[in-house]
Amino acid sequence: MLFGSTILELALAMTFVYLLLSFLCSAIVEFIESLAGRRAKDLRKGIAALLANPKLAQDFFDHPLVKPLGKAPSYIPSRTFSLALWNMATSAALQTPPVIAGVTRDIDILRATITRLPDDALPADLKGSFVTLIDEAGGNFEKARENVEKWYDDAMDRVSGRFKRRTHWILLGIGLAASIGMNLDSINIVQTLAHNNDLRQTVVAAAENYAKTPLPTPDPAAAPQTPDAQYAESVKRLDKIRGEINELGLPIGWSSKPLGEDPRGLPEGWGWLLKAIGFILTAMAVSQGAPFWFDLLNKIIVIRSTVKPHEKSPMQPSKDRPAPETRRERKSDDEEESKD
């Protein structure tokens, strides 16, 4: 059972290491994305595709409800989207500037206005979508607005899906680059943790403490909107995660000493092939993402908590069932019977 406990501790420690590395590489990706403004570009492209009209999309981003979010917002709440679009439709119905028009709750006026708009102002596909969403509400303004919000959320989910697929491959590349640059060799880390009980116990304790708090998930509504704020937030997060990794005392980084003298040292001969495999394993692990490793971390902790008590103490008899007799007790009983 001692060997099994060591295996669980090793699995728990490596899962925690991969979790922190996933956070680190994700922070690097966010840092790069903030520099390139990819989230804002993806959002604008997604809304332009949803509205299917470049002029209509530009009018939407110039709307007084959307403009305060910045020149290149990375997130627009669904309520803001629906109210801005509703206001634009009301303006078209009343032929007044958007600032004055407000939002009409008369579904019939909105529906009639949308159906009368020419195709160059509102494409036929988009017009059909609006009419369908309004008719499904059955004359209820709030229901119609919720339908528009749900329609927007579904479109943003598709944009988010494309972003996640792209991020997966970026994470793989960043993970490989970080593995080589920081000497994050999975095989070397496993060997070190397996032979260094103190280090393994330190990482396990840190993993158990880390699992007590929920997985940090950024709230897009509360995220900084400007590129400068996004850049500053990414740098701050990157420094925090890098400090957490360094505190573990893992054999990361490069050393000029031979590998036999220092676990961070340089291998020789075929040892480079083994190290390359370790780098690839780390990159593949990082590409799975932090949520995957956080869920696995909690599962291993649960398994370890059920196994650990049986390793520390022998099974105690229950109140309803007596403890099993030992060989000495059975021998004494047999001697007593033979005397009788």
C-alpha atoms as a PDB file:
ATOM      1  CA  MET A   1       0.000   0.000   0.000  1.00  0.00           C
ATOM      2  CA  LEU A   2       2.974   2.305   0.543  1.00  0.00           C
ATOM      3  CA  PHE A   3       3.870   1.977  -3.124  1.00  0.00           C
ATOM      4  CA  GLY A   4       0.284   2.798  -4.085  1.00  0.00           C
ATOM      5  CA  SER A   5       0.342   5.874  -1.859  1.00  0.00           C
ATOM      6  CA  THR A   6       3.527   7.084  -3.556  1.00  0.00           C
ATOM      7  CA  ILE A   7       1.934   6.641  -6.977  1.00  0.00           C
ATOM      8  CA  LEU A   8      -1.102   8.702  -5.900  1.00  0.00           C
ATOM      9  CA  GLU A   9       1.127  11.419  -4.483  1.00  0.00           C
ATOM     10  CA  LEU A  10       3.154  11.454  -7.689  1.00  0.00           C
ATOM     11  CA  ALA A  11      -0.013  11.689  -9.812  1.00  0.00           C
ATOM     12  CA  LEU A  12      -1.343  14.469  -7.601  1.00  0.00           C
ATOM     13  CA  ALA A  13       1.927  16.394  -7.749  1.00  0.00           C
ATOM     14  CA  MET A  14       2.239  16.123 -11.544  1.00  0.00           C
ATOM     15  CA  THR A  15      -1.401  17.111 -12.039  1.00  0.00           C
ATOM     16  CA  PHE A  16      -0.794  20.215  -9.950  1.00  0.00           C
ATOM     17  CA  VAL A  17       2.366  21.005 -11.914  1.00  0.00           C
ATOM     18  CA  TYR A  18       0.456  20.703 -15.201  1.00  0.00           C
ATOM     19  CA  LEU A  19      -2.313  22.891 -13.788  1.00  0.00           C
ATOM     20  CA  LEU A  20       0.105  25.702 -12.949  1.00  0.00           C
ATOM     21  CA  LEU A  21       1.888  25.333 -16.291  1.00  0.00           C
ATOM     22  CA  SER A  22      -1.481  25.521 -18.076  1.00  0.00           C
ATOM     23  CA  PHE A  23      -2.251  28.719 -16.185  1.00  0.00           C
ATOM     24  CA  LEU A  24       1.175  30.082 -17.100  1.00  0.00           C
ATOM     25  CA  CYS A  25       0.830  29.321 -20.813  1.00  0.00           C
ATOM     26  CA  SER A  26      -2.767  30.615 -20.833  1.00  0.00           C
ATOM     27  CA  ALA A  27      -1.517  33.868 -19.323  1.00  0.00           C
ATOM     28  CA  ILE A  28       1.116  34.073 -22.075  1.00  0.00           C
ATOM     29  CA  VAL A  29      -1.590  33.506 -24.699  1.00  0.00           C
ATOM     30  CA  GLU A  30      -3.751  36.230 -23.144  1.00  0.00           C
ATOM     31  CA  PHE A  31      -0.713  38.506 -23.095  1.00  0.00           C
ATOM     32  CA  ILE A  32      -0.189  37.943 -26.823  1.00  0.00           C
ATOM     33  CA  GLU A  33      -3.914  38.289 -27.527  1.00  0.00           C
ATOM     34  CA  SER A  34      -4.028  41.594 -25.645  1.00  0.00           C
ATOM     35  CA  LEU A  35      -1.113  42.919 -27.710  1.00  0.00           C
ATOM     36  CA  ALA A  36      -2.763  41.858 -30.955  1.00  0.00           C
ATOM     37  CA  GLY A  37      -6.297  42.793 -29.848  1.00  0.00           C
ATOM     38  CA  ARG A  38      -7.606  39.455 -31.139  1.00  0.00           C
ATOM     39  CA  ARG A  39     -10.600  39.283 -28.801  1.00  0.00           C
ATOM     40  CA  ALA A  40     -11.843  42.673 -29.957  1.00  0.00           C
ATOM     41  CA  LYS A  41     -11.299  41.714 -33.593  1.00  0.00           C
ATOM     42  CA  ASP A  42     -13.150  38.421 -33.108  1.00  0.00           C
ATOM     43  CA  LEU A  43     -16.061  40.234 -31.445  1.00  0.00           C
ATOM     44  CA  ARG A  44     -16.351  42.811 -34.209  1.00  0.00           C
ATOM     45  CA  LYS A  45     -16.109  40.112 -36.872  1.00  0.00           C
ATOM     46  CA  GLY A  46     -18.767  38.015 -35.117  1.00  0.00           C
ATOM     47  CA  ILE A  47     -21.221  40.926 -34.817  1.00  0.00           C
ATOM     48  CA  ALA A  48     -20.576  41.957 -38.432  1.00  0.00           C
ATOM     49  CA  ALA A  49     -21.382  38.401 -39.535  1.00  0.00           C
ATOM     50  CA  LEU A  50     -24.492  38.352 -37.336  1.00  0.00           C
ATOM     51  CA  LEU A  51     -25.866  41.636 -38.701  1.00  0.00           C
ATOM     52  CA  ALA A  52     -24.763  40.749 -42.270  1.00  0.00           C
ATOM     53  CA  ASN A  53     -24.380  44.423 -43.193  1.00  0.00           C
ATOM     54  CA  PRO A  54     -21.118  46.415 -42.767  1.00  0.00           C
ATOM     55  CA  LYS A  55     -22.948  49.756 -42.430  1.00  0.00           C
ATOM     56  CA  LEU A  56     -25.401  48.333 -39.890  1.00  0.00           C
ATOM     57  CA  ALA A  57     -22.519  46.839 -37.911  1.00  0.00           C
ATOM     58  CA  GLN A  58     -20.687  50.183 -37.905  1.00  0.00           C
ATOM     59  CA  ASP A  59     -23.850  52.002 -36.800  1.00  0.00           C
ATOM     60  CA  PHE A  60     -24.144  49.484 -33.964  1.00  0.00           C
ATOM     61  CA  PHE A  61     -20.586  50.123 -32.723  1.00  0.00           C
ATOM     62  CA  ASP A  62     -21.206  53.879 -33.001  1.00  0.00           C
ATOM     63  CA  HIS A  63     -24.378  53.605 -30.901  1.00  0.00           C
ATOM     64  CA  PRO A  64     -24.340  55.606 -27.629  1.00  0.00           C
ATOM     65  CA  LEU A  65     -24.847  52.423 -25.594  1.00  0.00           C
ATOM     66  CA  VAL A  66     -21.867  50.651 -27.209  1.00  0.00           C
ATOM     67  CA  LYS A  67     -19.428  53.507 -27.786  1.00  0.00           C
ATOM     68  CA  PRO A  68     -18.563  54.029 -24.074  1.00  0.00           C
ATOM     69  CA  LEU A  69     -17.192  50.451 -23.984  1.00  0.00           C
ATOM     70  CA  GLY A  70     -14.202  51.654 -25.983  1.00  0.00           C
ATOM     71  CA  LYS A  71     -12.988  51.851 -29.550  1.00  0.00           C
ATOM     72  CA  ALA A  72     -12.220  48.134 -29.585  1.00  0.00           C
ATOM     73  CA  PRO A  73     -14.319  46.416 -26.875  1.00  0.00           C
ATOM     74  CA  SER A  74     -13.544  42.762 -26.192  1.00  0.00           C
ATOM     75  CA  TYR A  75     -16.940  42.104 -24.596  1.00  0.00           C
ATOM     76  CA  ILE A  76     -20.455  43.503 -25.092  1.00  0.00           C
ATOM     77  CA  PRO A  77     -23.232  42.345 -22.720  1.00  0.00           C
ATOM     78  CA  SER A  78     -26.218  40.717 -24.376  1.00  0.00           C
ATOM     79  CA  ARG A  79     -28.586  43.262 -22.787  1.00  0.00           C
ATOM     80  CA  THR A  80     -26.570  46.126 -24.266  1.00  0.00           C
ATOM     81  CA  PHE A  81     -26.698  44.446 -27.671  1.00  0.00           C
ATOM     82  CA  SER A  82     -30.480  43.936 -27.578  1.00  0.00           C
ATOM     83  CA  LEU A  83     -31.245  47.456 -26.304  1.00  0.00           C
ATOM     84  CA  ALA A  84     -28.936  49.082 -28.870  1.00  0.00           C
ATOM     85  CA  LEU A  85     -30.496  47.079 -31.683  1.00  0.00           C
ATOM     86  CA  TRP A  86     -34.004  47.788 -30.367  1.00  0.00           C
ATOM     87  CA  ASN A  87     -33.184  51.497 -30.197  1.00  0.00           C
ATOM     88  CA  MET A  88     -31.898  51.459 -33.769  1.00  0.00           C
ATOM     89  CA  ALA A  89     -35.143  49.797 -34.908  1.00  0.00           C
ATOM     90  CA  THR A  90     -37.193  52.358 -32.963  1.00  0.00           C
ATOM     91  CA  SER A  91     -35.204  55.176 -34.579  1.00  0.00           C
ATOM     92  CA  ALA A  92     -35.954  53.745 -38.010  1.00  0.00           C
ATOM     93  CA  ALA A  93     -39.651  53.488 -37.119  1.00  0.00           C
ATOM     94  CA  LEU A  94     -39.890  57.056 -35.833  1.00  0.00           C
ATOM     95  CA  GLN A  95     -37.232  58.477 -38.187  1.00  0.00           C
ATOM     96  CA  THR A  96     -35.497  60.230 -35.288  1.00  0.00           C
ATOM     97  CA  PRO A  97     -31.872  60.203 -34.056  1.00  0.00           C
ATOM     98  CA  PRO A  98     -31.026  57.215 -31.830  1.00  0.00           C
ATOM     99  CA  VAL A  99     -30.338  59.409 -28.799  1.00  0.00           C
ATOM    100  CA  ILE A 100     -33.877  60.810 -28.845  1.00  0.00           C
ATOM    101  CA  ALA A 101     -35.798  57.767 -30.021  1.00  0.00           C
ATOM    102  CA  GLY A 102     -35.508  55.646 -26.870  1.00  0.00           C
ATOM    103  CA  VAL A 103     -36.969  52.149 -27.010  1.00  0.00           C
ATOM    104  CA  THR A 104     -40.551  51.509 -27.987  1.00  0.00           C
ATOM    105  CA  ARG A 105     -42.467  48.638 -26.407  1.00  0.00           C
ATOM    106  CA  ASP A 106     -44.945  48.513 -29.264  1.00  0.00           C
ATOM    107  CA  ILE A 107     -44.134  45.202 -30.922  1.00  0.00           C
ATOM    108  CA  ASP A 108     -46.446  45.874 -33.865  1.00  0.00           C
ATOM    109  CA  ILE A 109     -44.651  49.122 -34.766  1.00  0.00           C
ATOM    110  CA  LEU A 110     -41.277  47.419 -34.607  1.00  0.00           C
ATOM    111  CA  ARG A 111     -42.412  44.481 -36.684  1.00  0.00           C
ATOM    112  CA  ALA A 112     -43.960  46.716 -39.331  1.00  0.00           C
ATOM    113  CA  THR A 113     -40.811  48.872 -39.482  1.00  0.00           C
ATOM    114  CA  ILE A 114     -38.515  45.884 -39.864  1.00  0.00           C
ATOM    115  CA  THR A 115     -40.572  44.344 -42.672  1.00  0.00           C
ATOM    116  CA  ARG A 116     -40.657  47.699 -44.562  1.00  0.00           C
ATOM    117  CA  LEU A 117     -36.917  48.322 -44.397  1.00  0.00           C
ATOM    118  CA  PRO A 118     -35.168  47.897 -47.784  1.00  0.00           C
ATOM    119  CA  ASP A 119     -32.700  45.038 -48.206  1.00  0.00           C
ATOM    120  CA  ASP A 120     -29.758  47.441 -48.503  1.00  0.00           C
ATOM    121  CA  ALA A 121     -30.550  48.725 -44.990  1.00  0.00           C
ATOM    122  CA  LEU A 122     -31.435  45.345 -43.483  1.00  0.00           C
ATOM    123  CA  PRO A 123     -30.568  42.103 -45.322  1.00  0.00           C
ATOM    124  CA  ALA A 124     -33.431  39.715 -45.974  1.00  0.00           C
ATOM    125  CA  ASP A 125     -31.926  36.951 -43.803  1.00  0.00           C
ATOM    126  CA  LEU A 126     -31.504  39.289 -40.846  1.00  0.00           C
ATOM    127  CA  LYS A 127     -34.985  40.701 -41.390  1.00  0.00           C
ATOM    128  CA  GLY A 128     -36.426  37.207 -41.276  1.00  0.00           C
ATOM    129  CA  SER A 129     -34.537  36.459 -38.066  1.00  0.00           C
ATOM    130  CA  PHE A 130     -35.883  39.583 -36.357  1.00  0.00           C
ATOM    131  CA  VAL A 131     -39.474  38.898 -37.400  1.00  0.00           C
ATOM    132  CA  THR A 132     -39.207  35.296 -36.190  1.00  0.00           C
ATOM    133  CA  LEU A 133     -37.826  36.376 -32.798  1.00  0.00           C
ATOM    134  CA  ILE A 134     -40.591  38.972 -32.402  1.00  0.00           C
ATOM    135  CA  ASP A 135     -43.400  36.641 -33.464  1.00  0.00           C
ATOM    136  CA  GLU A 136     -42.188  33.893 -31.128  1.00  0.00           C
ATOM    137  CA  ALA A 137     -42.588  36.306 -28.202  1.00  0.00           C
ATOM    138  CA  GLY A 138     -46.360  36.457 -28.771  1.00  0.00           C
ATOM    139  CA  GLY A 139     -46.582  40.237 -28.326  1.00  0.00           C
ATOM    140  CA  ASN A 140     -44.534  40.236 -25.087  1.00  0.00           C
ATOM    141  CA  PHE A 141     -41.850  42.920 -25.235  1.00  0.00           C
ATOM    142  CA  GLU A 142     -39.630  41.398 -22.520  1.00  0.00           C
ATOM    143  CA  LYS A 143     -39.850  37.979 -24.145  1.00  0.00           C
ATOM    144  CA  ALA A 144     -38.916  39.451 -27.521  1.00  0.00           C
ATOM    145  CA  ARG A 145     -35.926  41.224 -25.986  1.00  0.00           C
ATOM    146  CA  GLU A 146     -34.823  37.994 -24.306  1.00  0.00           C
ATOM    147  CA  ASN A 147     -35.088  36.222 -27.671  1.00  0.00           C
ATOM    148  CA  VAL A 148     -32.745  38.794 -29.204  1.00  0.00           C
ATOM    149  CA  GLU A 149     -30.312  38.364 -26.293  1.00  0.00           C
ATOM    150  CA  LYS A 150     -30.373  34.574 -26.680  1.00  0.00           C
ATOM    151  CA  TRP A 151     -29.806  34.942 -30.417  1.00  0.00           C
ATOM    152  CA  TYR A 152     -26.779  37.148 -29.693  1.00  0.00           C
ATOM    153  CA  ASP A 153     -25.444  34.772 -27.003  1.00  0.00           C
ATOM    154  CA  ASP A 154     -25.652  31.819 -29.409  1.00  0.00           C
ATOM    155  CA  ALA A 155     -23.673  33.772 -31.997  1.00  0.00           C
ATOM    156  CA  MET A 156     -21.048  34.728 -29.404  1.00  0.00           C
ATOM    157  CA  ASP A 157     -20.794  31.073 -28.337  1.00  0.00           C
ATOM    158  CA  ARG A 158     -19.786  30.230 -31.896  1.00  0.00           C
ATOM    159  CA  VAL A 159     -17.213  33.018 -31.834  1.00  0.00           C
ATOM    160  CA  SER A 160     -15.944  31.707 -28.494  1.00  0.00           C
ATOM    161  CA  GLY A 161     -15.761  28.179 -29.928  1.00  0.00           C
ATOM    162  CA  ARG A 162     -13.538  29.348 -32.776  1.00  0.00           C
ATOM    163  CA  PHE A 163     -11.390  31.229 -30.274  1.00  0.00           C
ATOM    164  CA  LYS A 164     -10.995  28.122 -28.079  1.00  0.00           C
ATOM    165  CA  ARG A 165     -10.044  25.926 -31.040  1.00  0.00           C
ATOM    166  CA  ARG A 166      -7.425  28.438 -32.086  1.00  0.00           C
ATOM    167  CA  THR A 167      -6.215  28.785 -28.494  1.00  0.00           C
ATOM    168  CA  HIS A 168      -5.736  25.006 -28.225  1.00  0.00           C
ATOM    169  CA  TRP A 169      -3.141  25.014 -30.987  1.00  0.00           C
ATOM    170  CA  ILE A 170      -1.558  28.210 -29.702  1.00  0.00           C
ATOM    171  CA  LEU A 171      -1.300  26.623 -26.253  1.00  0.00           C
ATOM    172  CA  LEU A 172       0.426  23.620 -27.792  1.00  0.00           C
ATOM    173  CA  GLY A 173       3.011  25.862 -29.451  1.00  0.00           C
ATOM    174  CA  ILE A 174       3.454  28.077 -26.385  1.00  0.00           C
ATOM    175  CA  GLY A 175       3.712  24.977 -24.177  1.00  0.00           C
ATOM    176  CA  LEU A 176       6.481  23.527 -26.345  1.00  0.00           C
ATOM    177  CA  ALA A 177       8.370  26.830 -26.431  1.00  0.00           C
ATOM    178  CA  ALA A 178       8.010  27.298 -22.662  1.00  0.00           C
ATOM    179  CA  SER A 179       9.088  23.691 -22.036  1.00  0.00           C
ATOM    180  CA  ILE A 180      12.299  24.169 -23.972  1.00  0.00           C
ATOM    181  CA  GLY A 181      12.997  27.670 -22.662  1.00  0.00           C
ATOM    182  CA  MET A 182      12.381  26.801 -18.978  1.00  0.00           C
ATOM    183  CA  ASN A 183      13.519  23.153 -19.187  1.00  0.00           C
ATOM    184  CA  LEU A 184      10.069  21.868 -18.228  1.00  0.00           C
ATOM    185  CA  ASP A 185      10.834  18.211 -18.886  1.00  0.00           C
ATOM    186  CA  SER A 186       7.970  15.991 -17.661  1.00  0.00           C
ATOM    187  CA  ILE A 187      10.142  12.878 -17.449  1.00  0.00           C
ATOM    188  CA  ASN A 188      12.821  14.683 -15.437  1.00  0.00           C
ATOM    189  CA  ILE A 189      10.225  16.220 -13.092  1.00  0.00           C
ATOM    190  CA  VAL A 190       8.598  12.819 -12.484  1.00  0.00           C
ATOM    191  CA  GLN A 191      11.956  11.205 -11.716  1.00  0.00           C
ATOM    192  CA  THR A 192      12.886  14.001  -9.314  1.00  0.00           C
ATOM    193  CA  LEU A 193       9.547  13.863  -7.480  1.00  0.00           C
ATOM    194  CA  ALA A 194       9.728  10.070  -7.261  1.00  0.00           C
ATOM    195  CA  HIS A 195      13.163  10.115  -5.563  1.00  0.00           C
ATOM    196  CA  ASN A 196      12.752  13.268  -3.465  1.00  0.00           C
ATOM    197  CA  ASN A 197      10.131  12.614  -0.769  1.00  0.00           C
ATOM    198  CA  ASP A 198      10.408  16.080   0.797  1.00  0.00           C
ATOM    199  CA  LEU A 199       9.882  17.840  -2.525  1.00  0.00           C
ATOM    200  CA  ARG A 200       6.973  15.550  -3.400  1.00  0.00           C
ATOM    201  CA  GLN A 201       5.298  16.181  -0.042  1.00  0.00           C
ATOM    202  CA  THR A 202       5.742  19.935  -0.519  1.00  0.00           C
ATOM    203  CA  VAL A 203       4.090  19.871  -3.935  1.00  0.00           C
ATOM    204  CA  VAL A 204       1.279  17.607  -2.678  1.00  0.00           C
ATOM    205  CA  ALA A 205       0.567  19.968   0.240  1.00  0.00           C
ATOM    206  CA  ALA A 206       0.500  22.943  -2.121  1.00  0.00           C
ATOM    207  CA  ALA A 207      -1.864  21.061  -4.452  1.00  0.00           C
ATOM    208  CA  GLU A 208      -4.284  20.232  -1.635  1.00  0.00           C
ATOM    209  CA  ASN A 209      -4.360  23.862  -0.499  1.00  0.00           C
ATOM    210  CA  TYR A 210      -4.857  25.053  -4.065  1.00  0.00           C
ATOM    211  CA  ALA A 211      -7.796  22.706  -4.599  1.00  0.00           C
ATOM    212  CA  LYS A 212      -9.685  24.235  -1.665  1.00  0.00           C
ATOM    213  CA  THR A 213     -10.455  27.349  -3.693  1.00  0.00           C
ATOM    214  CA  PRO A 214     -12.648  27.332  -6.835  1.00  0.00           C
ATOM    215  CA  LEU A 215     -11.026  27.482 -10.234  1.00  0.00           C
ATOM    216  CA  PRO A 216     -10.484  31.163 -11.049  1.00  0.00           C
ATOM    217  CA  THR A 217     -12.677  31.933 -14.050  1.00  0.00           C
ATOM    218  CA  PRO A 218     -12.533  35.469 -15.422  1.00  0.00           C
ATOM    219  CA  ASP A 219     -15.846  37.282 -15.704  1.00  0.00           C
ATOM    220  CA  PRO A 220     -15.970  38.833 -19.194  1.00  0.00           C
ATOM    221  CA  ALA A 221     -18.420  41.478 -17.976  1.00  0.00           C
ATOM    222  CA  ALA A 222     -15.918  42.589 -15.331  1.00  0.00           C
ATOM    223  CA  ALA A 223     -12.847  42.275 -17.547  1.00  0.00           C
ATOM    224  CA  PRO A 224     -10.947  45.461 -18.459  1.00  0.00           C
ATOM    225  CA  GLN A 225     -12.151  46.794 -21.775  1.00  0.00           C
ATOM    226  CA  THR A 226      -9.205  48.854 -23.021  1.00  0.00           C
ATOM    227  CA  PRO A 227      -6.158  47.169 -24.600  1.00  0.00           C
ATOM    228  CA  ASP A 228      -3.827  48.878 -22.091  1.00  0.00           C
ATOM    229  CA  ALA A 229      -5.844  47.536 -19.141  1.00  0.00           C
ATOM    230  CA  GLN A 230      -5.915  44.054 -20.690  1.00  0.00           C
ATOM    231  CA  TYR A 231      -2.138  44.213 -21.176  1.00  0.00           C
ATOM    232  CA  ALA A 232      -1.524  45.262 -17.555  1.00  0.00           C
ATOM    233  CA  GLU A 233      -3.847  42.544 -16.240  1.00  0.00           C
ATOM    234  CA  SER A 234      -2.105  39.871 -18.324  1.00  0.00           C
ATOM    235  CA  VAL A 235       1.359  40.922 -17.096  1.00  0.00           C
ATOM    236  CA  LYS A 236       0.171  40.896 -13.478  1.00  0.00           C
ATOM    237  CA  ARG A 237      -1.328  37.421 -13.830  1.00  0.00           C
ATOM    238  CA  LEU A 238       1.792  36.132 -15.599  1.00  0.00           C
ATOM    239  CA  ASP A 239       4.065  37.298 -12.771  1.00  0.00           C
ATOM    240  CA  LYS A 240       1.780  35.762 -10.121  1.00  0.00           C
ATOM    241  CA  ILE A 241       1.692  32.303 -11.731  1.00  0.00           C
ATOM    242  CA  ARG A 242       5.424  32.320 -12.416  1.00  0.00           C
ATOM    243  CA  GLY A 243       6.031  33.069  -8.727  1.00  0.00           C
ATOM    244  CA  GLU A 244       3.775  30.159  -7.680  1.00  0.00           C
ATOM    245  CA  ILE A 245       5.739  27.764  -9.895  1.00  0.00           C
ATOM    246  CA  ASN A 246       9.109  28.972  -8.587  1.00  0.00           C
ATOM    247  CA  GLU A 247       7.961  28.491  -4.972  1.00  0.00           C
ATOM    248  CA  LEU A 248       7.546  24.750  -5.535  1.00  0.00           C
ATOM    249  CA  GLY A 249      11.284  24.245  -5.935  1.00  0.00           C
ATOM    250  CA  LEU A 250      10.976  22.032  -9.010  1.00  0.00           C
ATOM    251  CA  PRO A 251      14.046  21.223 -11.159  1.00  0.00           C
ATOM    252  CA  ILE A 252      13.238  23.775 -13.846  1.00  0.00           C
ATOM    253  CA  GLY A 253      15.616  26.036 -15.699  1.00  0.00           C
ATOM    254  CA  TRP A 254      18.915  25.158 -17.304  1.00  0.00           C
ATOM    255  CA  SER A 255      22.296  24.421 -15.706  1.00  0.00           C
ATOM    256  CA  SER A 256      25.687  23.990 -17.348  1.00  0.00           C
ATOM    257  CA  LYS A 257      26.474  21.023 -15.109  1.00  0.00           C
ATOM    258  CA  PRO A 258      25.995  17.441 -16.343  1.00  0.00           C
ATOM    259  CA  LEU A 259      22.586  15.907 -15.767  1.00  0.00           C
ATOM    260  CA  GLY A 260      24.031  13.410 -13.283  1.00  0.00           C
ATOM    261  CA  GLU A 261      25.194  16.238 -11.007  1.00  0.00           C
ATOM    262  CA  ASP A 262      22.218  18.568 -11.392  1.00  0.00           C
ATOM    263  CA  PRO A 263      18.649  17.587 -12.470  1.00  0.00           C
ATOM    264  CA  ARG A 264      18.602  20.827 -14.452  1.00  0.00           C
ATOM    265  CA  GLY A 265      21.821  19.913 -16.222  1.00  0.00           C
ATOM    266  CA  LEU A 266      22.497  18.999 -19.831  1.00  0.00           C
ATOM    267  CA  PRO A 267      22.015  15.376 -20.928  1.00  0.00           C
ATOM    268  CA  GLU A 268      24.442  13.473 -23.081  1.00  0.00           C
ATOM    269  CA  GLY A 269      23.961  11.301 -26.157  1.00  0.00           C
ATOM    270  CA  TRP A 270      20.581   9.596 -26.271  1.00  0.00           C
ATOM    271  CA  GLY A 271      19.565  11.571 -23.178  1.00  0.00           C
ATOM    272  CA  TRP A 272      18.601  14.430 -25.503  1.00  0.00           C
ATOM    273  CA  LEU A 273      15.994  12.197 -27.142  1.00  0.00           C
ATOM    274  CA  LEU A 274      14.472  11.425 -23.750  1.00  0.00           C
ATOM    275  CA  LYS A 275      14.449  15.128 -22.887  1.00  0.00           C
ATOM    276  CA  ALA A 276      12.771  15.972 -26.194  1.00  0.00           C
ATOM    277  CA  ILE A 277      10.042  13.435 -25.391  1.00  0.00           C
ATOM    278  CA  GLY A 278       9.662  15.084 -21.969  1.00  0.00           C
ATOM    279  CA  PHE A 279       9.213  18.490 -23.627  1.00  0.00           C
ATOM    280  CA  ILE A 280       6.562  17.118 -25.992  1.00  0.00           C
ATOM    281  CA  LEU A 281       4.685  15.483 -23.104  1.00  0.00           C
ATOM    282  CA  THR A 282       4.645  18.793 -21.239  1.00  0.00           C
ATOM    283  CA  ALA A 283       3.371  20.680 -24.294  1.00  0.00           C
ATOM    284  CA  MET A 284       0.596  18.141 -24.881  1.00  0.00           C
ATOM    285  CA  ALA A 285      -0.412  18.308 -21.215  1.00  0.00           C
ATOM    286  CA  VAL A 286      -0.541  22.108 -21.267  1.00  0.00           C
ATOM    287  CA  SER A 287      -2.729  22.113 -24.389  1.00  0.00           C
ATOM    288  CA  GLN A 288      -5.483  20.329 -22.426  1.00  0.00           C
ATOM    289  CA  GLY A 289      -6.134  23.540 -20.519  1.00  0.00           C
ATOM    290  CA  ALA A 290      -6.368  24.436 -16.840  1.00  0.00           C
ATOM    291  CA  PRO A 291     -10.028  23.327 -16.310  1.00  0.00           C
ATOM    292  CA  PHE A 292      -9.132  19.759 -17.317  1.00  0.00           C
ATOM    293  CA  TRP A 293      -6.250  19.541 -14.832  1.00  0.00           C
ATOM    294  CA  PHE A 294      -8.216  21.253 -12.058  1.00  0.00           C
ATOM    295  CA  ASP A 295     -11.018  18.676 -12.337  1.00  0.00           C
ATOM    296  CA  LEU A 296      -8.487  15.831 -12.387  1.00  0.00           C
ATOM    297  CA  LEU A 297      -6.717  17.325  -9.367  1.00  0.00           C
ATOM    298  CA  ASN A 298      -9.911  17.224  -7.298  1.00  0.00           C
ATOM    299  CA  LYS A 299     -10.681  13.661  -8.381  1.00  0.00           C
ATOM    300  CA  ILE A 300      -7.226  12.433  -7.329  1.00  0.00           C
ATOM    301  CA  ILE A 301      -7.574  14.198  -3.980  1.00  0.00           C
ATOM    302  CA  VAL A 302     -10.891  12.414  -3.376  1.00  0.00           C
ATOM    303  CA  ILE A 303      -9.350   9.033  -4.276  1.00  0.00           C
ATOM    304  CA  ARG A 304      -6.347   9.705  -2.051  1.00  0.00           C
ATOM    305  CA  SER A 305      -8.552  10.703   0.895  1.00  0.00           C
ATOM    306  CA  THR A 306     -10.422   7.364   0.698  1.00  0.00           C
ATOM    307  CA  VAL A 307      -7.237   5.283   0.484  1.00  0.00           C
ATOM    308  CA  LYS A 308      -5.123   7.173   3.004  1.00  0.00           C
ATOM    309  CA  PRO A 309      -6.983   6.216   6.253  1.00  0.00           C
ATOM    310  CA  HIS A 310      -6.609   2.467   5.547  1.00  0.00           C
ATOM    311  CA  GLU A 311      -2.872   2.889   5.100  1.00  0.00           C
ATOM    312  CA  LYS A 312      -2.327   4.654   8.425  1.00  0.00           C
ATOM    313  CA  SER A 313      -4.277   2.390  10.766  1.00  0.00           C
ATOM    314  CA  PRO A 314      -5.557  -1.213  10.689  1.00  0.00           C
ATOM    315  CA  MET A 315      -9.236  -1.762  10.108  1.00  0.00           C
ATOM    316  CA  GLN A 316     -11.147  -1.338  13.374  1.00  0.00           C
ATOM    317  CA  PRO A 317     -13.932  -3.802  14.330  1.00  0.00           C
ATOM    318  CA  SER A 318     -17.464  -2.483  14.312  1.00  0.00           C
ATOM    319  CA  LYS A 319     -19.660  -2.472  17.376  1.00  0.00           C
ATOM    320  CA  ASP A 320     -21.930  -5.168  15.937  1.00  0.00           C
ATOM    321  CA  ARG A 321     -19.132  -7.461  14.773  1.00  0.00           C
ATOM    322  CA  PRO A 322     -16.243  -8.675  16.977  1.00  0.00           C
ATOM    323  CA  ALA A 323     -12.671  -8.426  15.832  1.00  0.00           C
ATOM    324  CA  PRO A 324     -11.309 -11.510  14.036  1.00  0.00           C
ATOM    325  CA  GLU A 325      -9.233 -13.857  16.163  1.00  0.00           C
ATOM    326  CA  THR A 326      -5.486 -13.893  15.749  1.00  0.00           C
ATOM    327  CA  ARG A 327      -3.486 -17.117  15.208  1.00  0.00           C
ATOM    328  CA  ARG A 328      -2.240 -17.012  18.839  1.00  0.00           C
ATOM    329  CA  GLU A 329      -5.803 -16.725  20.182  1.00  0.00           C
ATOM    330  CA  ARG A 330      -6.980 -19.664  18.051  1.00  0.00           C
ATOM    331  CA  LYS A 331      -4.011 -21.761  19.253  1.00  0.00           C
ATOM    332  CA  SER A 332      -4.871 -21.036  22.918  1.00  0.00           C
ATOM    333  CA  ASP A 333      -8.479 -22.075  22.330  1.00  0.00           C
ATOM    334  CA  ASP A 334      -7.371 -25.339  20.741  1.00  0.00           C
ATOM    335  CA  GLU A 335      -5.088 -26.115  23.714  1.00  0.00           C
ATOM    336  CA  GLU A 336      -7.917 -25.494  26.162  1.00  0.00           C
ATOM    337  CA  GLU A 337     -10.198 -27.837  24.222  1.00  0.00           C
ATOM    338  CA  SER A 338      -7.545 -30.591  24.163  1.00  0.00           C
ATOM    339  CA  LYS A 339      -7.162 -30.389  27.955  1.00  0.00           C
ATOM    340  CA  ASP A 340     -10.883 -30.802  28.428  1.00  0.00           C
END
